[in-house]
Amino acid sequence: MKNRVASILGRQVAFALCALLPMFAVAATLPDSPHVVVAALGEVEALPDIAKLQLQISETRDTAVDAKDRVDERTARVLTAVREQGVPDADIRASQIRIYPDYEWQDGKRMLRGQRVERSIDLTLTDLSRYGAVLDGLVQAGITELGNVSFDLSNRDELMAQAVQAAMANANAKAATLAAGFGRRVAGVYHIDEGSSGPIRQERMVMMDAKMSAAPMLLGKETVSASLNVVFLLK
């Protein structure tokens, strides 16, 4: 019992120290001279221009050879369809084939259904105007369901730089306002901590059928943000 209590107290102390670490880190970077600490955020919005599609082709047959033949046939149709839509081989990644026994439960007993073969195909679509046509081609090739469909930004680094610039401007404005409010002026920057986040990716499952058409997508803007914690010196 005594050891258990000591263990619990030890975990609580460790948790408290972890929670205080950011405070210790900030305190370690503070100057002895007059200063102000400012937290600033910069954000940039942009429409996604890349789509990443995850496909899975699978078959369960009496033998692994039969199942693999079916998967190979469907994979070939898929690759032909996406290439016809202008997707280069560099943007197509077909993973290795997985083979394993496929079981199901019947009346409380595990029964072997057959041998299952799976193969995943990842596509990167850099021309979103072709998105609908690519889906139509996949339907015609026999794909009935997509895995995750995620949308991203090709110029992420450029957008991140813009977000950082916005955060810097925000920090400077805040520091100047705070300093003026106390009858002082900003003398310079003592320390900067930077934190940032990439675009918030939209992911979805897409069910497909023969009625799908190449209608344009309606995508919302995504936000790239950068945060700064800046210690300004005052005079």
Protein backbone atom coordinates (compact mmCIF):
# COMPACT_ATOMS: atom_id res chain seq x y z
CA MET A 1 0.00 0.00 0.00
CA LYS A 2 2.80 2.36 0.95
CA ASN A 3 4.62 1.66 -2.30
CA ARG A 4 1.42 2.22 -4.27
CA VAL A 5 0.82 5.60 -2.64
CA ALA A 6 4.43 6.59 -3.32
CA SER A 7 4.05 5.56 -6.96
CA ILE A 8 0.86 7.63 -7.36
CA LEU A 9 2.49 10.66 -5.73
CA GLY A 10 5.51 10.23 -7.96
CA ARG A 11 3.32 10.27 -11.08
CA GLN A 12 1.48 13.35 -9.85
CA VAL A 13 4.75 15.18 -9.21
CA ALA A 14 6.05 14.19 -12.64
CA PHE A 15 2.84 15.43 -14.28
CA ALA A 16 3.06 18.74 -12.42
CA LEU A 17 6.66 19.22 -13.49
CA CYS A 18 5.76 18.51 -17.13
CA ALA A 19 2.96 21.07 -16.95
CA LEU A 20 5.37 23.67 -15.54
CA LEU A 21 8.11 23.05 -18.11
CA PRO A 22 6.78 25.67 -20.61
CA MET A 23 6.69 28.24 -17.79
CA PHE A 24 10.27 27.37 -16.81
CA ALA A 25 11.34 27.62 -20.46
CA VAL A 26 9.80 31.10 -20.80
CA ALA A 27 11.30 32.25 -17.50
CA ALA A 28 14.74 31.08 -18.62
CA THR A 29 14.56 33.36 -21.68
CA LEU A 30 13.43 36.53 -19.89
CA PRO A 31 15.91 39.42 -19.56
CA ASP A 32 16.62 41.35 -16.38
CA SER A 33 15.86 44.64 -18.13
CA PRO A 34 12.31 45.97 -18.84
CA HIS A 35 10.52 43.81 -21.37
CA VAL A 36 7.15 42.57 -22.63
CA VAL A 37 6.17 39.07 -23.76
CA VAL A 38 3.80 38.87 -26.72
CA ALA A 39 1.98 35.87 -28.23
CA ALA A 40 1.01 36.39 -31.87
CA LEU A 41 -0.75 34.35 -34.56
CA GLY A 42 -0.59 34.65 -38.33
CA GLU A 43 -2.93 32.85 -40.72
CA VAL A 44 -3.18 32.43 -44.49
CA GLU A 45 -6.07 30.82 -46.35
CA ALA A 46 -5.85 29.00 -49.67
CA LEU A 47 -7.83 26.55 -51.76
CA PRO A 48 -6.37 23.02 -51.89
CA ASP A 49 -4.91 22.05 -55.24
CA ILE A 50 -3.82 18.45 -54.59
CA ALA A 51 -5.96 15.37 -53.95
CA LYS A 52 -4.59 12.12 -52.54
CA LEU A 53 -6.73 9.03 -53.11
CA GLN A 54 -6.31 5.67 -51.41
CA LEU A 55 -7.75 2.66 -53.22
CA GLN A 56 -7.89 -0.95 -52.08
CA ILE A 57 -8.51 -3.87 -54.37
CA SER A 58 -9.33 -7.17 -52.67
CA GLU A 59 -10.70 -10.58 -53.56
CA THR A 60 -11.45 -13.75 -51.56
CA ARG A 61 -11.36 -17.00 -53.52
CA ASP A 62 -10.85 -20.69 -52.86
CA THR A 63 -7.17 -20.40 -53.71
CA ALA A 64 -4.64 -17.61 -53.38
CA VAL A 65 -3.71 -18.01 -57.05
CA ASP A 66 -7.29 -17.40 -58.19
CA ALA A 67 -7.69 -14.42 -55.85
CA LYS A 68 -4.41 -12.90 -57.01
CA ASP A 69 -5.37 -13.29 -60.65
CA ARG A 70 -8.59 -11.36 -59.99
CA VAL A 71 -6.74 -8.63 -58.09
CA ASP A 72 -4.10 -8.36 -60.84
CA GLU A 73 -6.83 -8.01 -63.46
CA ARG A 74 -8.65 -5.25 -61.56
CA THR A 75 -5.39 -3.47 -60.75
CA ALA A 76 -4.46 -3.39 -64.44
CA ARG A 77 -7.83 -1.84 -65.30
CA VAL A 78 -7.40 0.80 -62.59
CA LEU A 79 -3.89 1.74 -63.71
CA THR A 80 -5.06 2.02 -67.32
CA ALA A 81 -7.99 4.23 -66.30
CA VAL A 82 -5.93 6.70 -64.27
CA ARG A 83 -3.18 6.88 -66.90
CA GLU A 84 -5.82 7.71 -69.51
CA GLN A 85 -6.78 10.67 -67.31
CA GLY A 86 -3.22 11.99 -67.44
CA VAL A 87 -1.98 10.79 -64.03
CA PRO A 88 1.77 10.14 -64.44
CA ASP A 89 3.39 7.00 -63.11
CA ALA A 90 5.34 9.13 -60.61
CA ASP A 91 2.02 9.96 -58.91
CA ILE A 92 0.88 6.32 -58.72
CA ARG A 93 2.08 3.98 -55.99
CA ALA A 94 0.90 0.37 -55.96
CA SER A 95 1.88 -1.38 -52.74
CA GLN A 96 2.87 -5.00 -52.36
CA ILE A 97 0.22 -7.69 -52.38
CA ARG A 98 -0.98 -9.12 -49.04
CA ILE A 99 -2.27 -12.71 -48.85
CA TYR A 100 -3.93 -14.23 -45.80
CA PRO A 101 -6.72 -16.70 -44.92
CA ASP A 102 -10.16 -15.11 -44.67
CA TYR A 103 -12.36 -16.42 -41.85
CA GLU A 104 -15.96 -15.80 -40.81
CA TRP A 105 -18.02 -16.86 -37.80
CA GLN A 106 -20.96 -19.23 -38.29
CA ASP A 107 -22.96 -20.57 -35.33
CA GLY A 108 -20.11 -19.71 -32.97
CA LYS A 109 -17.49 -21.46 -35.10
CA ARG A 110 -14.76 -19.88 -37.14
CA MET A 111 -15.05 -21.05 -40.74
CA LEU A 112 -12.52 -20.53 -43.53
CA ARG A 113 -14.06 -18.55 -46.39
CA GLY A 114 -11.01 -18.79 -48.60
CA GLN A 115 -7.75 -17.00 -49.34
CA ARG A 116 -7.89 -13.20 -49.42
CA VAL A 117 -5.60 -11.07 -51.54
CA GLU A 118 -5.37 -7.31 -51.08
CA ARG A 119 -3.49 -4.58 -52.88
CA SER A 120 -3.51 -0.84 -52.15
CA ILE A 121 -3.03 1.89 -54.73
CA ASP A 122 -2.26 5.49 -53.76
CA LEU A 123 -2.89 8.25 -56.30
CA THR A 124 -1.79 11.88 -56.19
CA LEU A 125 -3.91 14.13 -58.38
CA THR A 126 -2.27 17.49 -59.09
CA ASP A 127 -4.99 18.69 -61.46
CA LEU A 128 -8.23 18.85 -59.48
CA SER A 129 -10.19 19.71 -62.61
CA ARG A 130 -9.74 16.03 -63.54
CA TYR A 131 -11.04 14.75 -60.20
CA GLY A 132 -14.54 13.86 -61.40
CA ALA A 133 -13.24 12.25 -64.58
CA VAL A 134 -10.77 10.16 -62.56
CA LEU A 135 -13.60 8.95 -60.31
CA ASP A 136 -15.66 8.02 -63.38
CA GLY A 137 -12.70 6.06 -64.75
CA LEU A 138 -12.30 4.24 -61.45
CA VAL A 139 -15.99 3.30 -61.43
CA GLN A 140 -15.69 1.90 -64.94
CA ALA A 141 -12.60 -0.02 -63.84
CA GLY A 142 -14.62 -1.72 -61.10
CA ILE A 143 -13.69 0.30 -58.00
CA THR A 144 -16.75 0.75 -55.78
CA GLU A 145 -15.25 2.42 -52.71
CA LEU A 146 -12.35 4.73 -51.94
CA GLY A 147 -10.46 4.88 -48.68
CA ASN A 148 -9.35 8.28 -47.43
CA VAL A 149 -9.45 11.17 -49.87
CA SER A 150 -7.32 14.02 -48.55
CA PHE A 151 -6.78 17.47 -50.01
CA ASP A 152 -3.56 19.41 -49.60
CA LEU A 153 -1.65 22.47 -50.76
CA SER A 154 1.26 22.24 -53.18
CA ASN A 155 2.78 25.59 -52.10
CA ARG A 156 2.74 24.86 -48.38
CA ASP A 157 6.20 26.31 -47.75
CA GLU A 158 5.29 29.60 -49.43
CA LEU A 159 2.04 29.85 -47.47
CA MET A 160 3.84 29.06 -44.22
CA ALA A 161 6.30 31.87 -44.90
CA GLN A 162 3.38 34.24 -45.42
CA ALA A 163 1.80 33.08 -42.16
CA VAL A 164 5.06 33.71 -40.30
CA GLN A 165 5.25 37.21 -41.77
CA ALA A 166 1.68 37.87 -40.61
CA ALA A 167 2.54 36.62 -37.13
CA MET A 168 5.59 38.89 -37.01
CA ALA A 169 3.50 41.91 -37.97
CA ASN A 170 0.95 40.97 -35.33
CA ALA A 171 3.66 40.62 -32.67
CA ASN A 172 5.21 43.98 -33.53
CA ALA A 173 1.83 45.73 -33.39
CA LYS A 174 0.96 44.16 -30.04
CA ALA A 175 4.33 45.03 -28.54
CA ALA A 176 4.12 48.64 -29.72
CA THR A 177 0.61 49.03 -28.27
CA LEU A 178 1.57 47.53 -24.91
CA ALA A 179 4.74 49.59 -24.65
CA ALA A 180 2.94 52.84 -25.51
CA GLY A 181 0.30 52.07 -22.91
CA PHE A 182 2.97 52.16 -20.21
CA GLY A 183 4.85 55.15 -21.60
CA ARG A 184 7.64 53.13 -23.18
CA ARG A 185 8.90 52.17 -26.60
CA VAL A 186 10.10 48.91 -28.08
CA ALA A 187 13.90 48.74 -28.08
CA GLY A 188 14.36 45.40 -29.86
CA VAL A 189 13.73 41.67 -29.78
CA TYR A 190 15.33 39.55 -27.06
CA HIS A 191 13.95 36.08 -27.80
CA ILE A 192 11.58 34.33 -30.25
CA ASP A 193 9.84 30.96 -29.95
CA GLU A 194 8.13 29.76 -33.11
CA GLY A 195 5.34 27.25 -33.44
CA SER A 196 3.43 26.47 -36.61
CA SER A 197 0.86 24.11 -38.05
CA GLY A 198 0.32 22.90 -41.56
CA PRO A 199 -2.92 23.03 -43.50
CA ILE A 200 -5.92 21.30 -42.00
CA ARG A 201 -6.48 18.45 -44.43
CA GLN A 202 -9.97 17.42 -45.44
CA GLU A 203 -10.42 13.66 -45.39
CA ARG A 204 -13.47 11.72 -46.41
CA MET A 205 -14.73 8.33 -47.49
CA VAL A 206 -16.22 8.31 -50.98
CA MET A 207 -18.79 5.75 -52.09
CA MET A 208 -18.89 5.38 -55.85
CA ASP A 209 -21.46 4.13 -58.34
CA ALA A 210 -22.12 4.16 -62.06
CA LYS A 211 -24.22 7.35 -61.80
CA MET A 212 -21.30 9.52 -60.73
CA SER A 213 -20.36 12.24 -63.20
CA ALA A 214 -17.40 14.54 -63.66
CA ALA A 215 -19.10 17.43 -61.86
CA PRO A 216 -16.72 20.00 -60.32
CA MET A 217 -15.95 19.79 -56.61
CA LEU A 218 -16.79 22.49 -54.10
CA LEU A 219 -13.91 22.73 -51.63
CA GLY A 220 -13.56 25.15 -48.75
CA LYS A 221 -10.40 27.10 -48.07
CA GLU A 222 -7.81 25.64 -45.74
CA THR A 223 -5.83 27.59 -43.16
CA VAL A 224 -2.08 27.58 -42.65
CA SER A 225 -1.12 29.18 -39.34
CA ALA A 226 2.07 30.20 -37.54
CA SER A 227 2.41 31.27 -33.91
CA LEU A 228 5.17 33.26 -32.23
CA ASN A 229 6.07 33.98 -28.63
CA VAL A 230 8.33 37.04 -28.66
CA VAL A 231 10.15 38.78 -25.82
CA PHE A 232 10.59 42.48 -26.66
CA LEU A 233 12.99 44.76 -24.84
CA LEU A 234 11.63 48.13 -23.74
CA LYS A 235 13.17 51.54 -23.29
